[in-house]
Amino acid sequence: MVRYTKEHKQVTRQRIIEKAGHRFKQDGIDGSGISTLMSDAGLTNGAFYAHFASKDDLVAHVVGEQLRAQVAGYSTLRPGRPGLEDLIREYLSPEHRDHPGLGCPSAALLDEIGRCEDGTKQAYTDGARDILEEIAARLAPENPQSARGKAIGLFTMLVGTLQLSRALSDPKFADEILEQGIENALTFMR
């Protein structure tokens, strides 16, 4: 039997999480079986249980990691409100809409997360709080707590707008939803 180093196991685990994050956002949690997830990671089904206790365990780790990565990505934005405007425009872009596997886990998985076990809901709750804190800090750097309500409104507006645009079969209507969503979000944040 081959024994791998602790570092190798961690690298493999991270690869599974990353590949599963993409697959979950593309095909849904329920639409992604363990065999597909492990194949995406270049591994056999049997290797899954060396890294995760269950699919629910994997989902919780994926959701947490995806949201941490999303928040970490905010550090590349311009500071303050200008960076928030950039975020709004990027979030409500046709590219983000058309490539859910590469985008925000909220817009891609929110309906399924609501039906997940407590571990996944807790991972999502922690990540959502971090996103709201980041938005609030950009809205009111001197007192982020004062902007918490507005941050909640803005975050829900972005997620809902993107979900609605993704659900439409008419490309022009879907683009109109995104364009109006940007205008609404920019007006709301002022």
Foldseek 3Di string as FASTA:
>chain_A
DDDDDPVVLVVLLVLLLLQVLLCCLVQNLVRDDLQNSQVSSVHGSVCVVVRAVDSLRSLLVSLLVLLVVVLVVLVPADAAPNSVLVVLPVLLDPVCLVRRSPDDCCLRYVVVLVVGDPSNVVSNVVSVVSQLQRQLCRLPVPDSVVCSVLSVVLVVLSSVLSNVLSPDPDVVVSNVSSVVSSVVSVVSSD
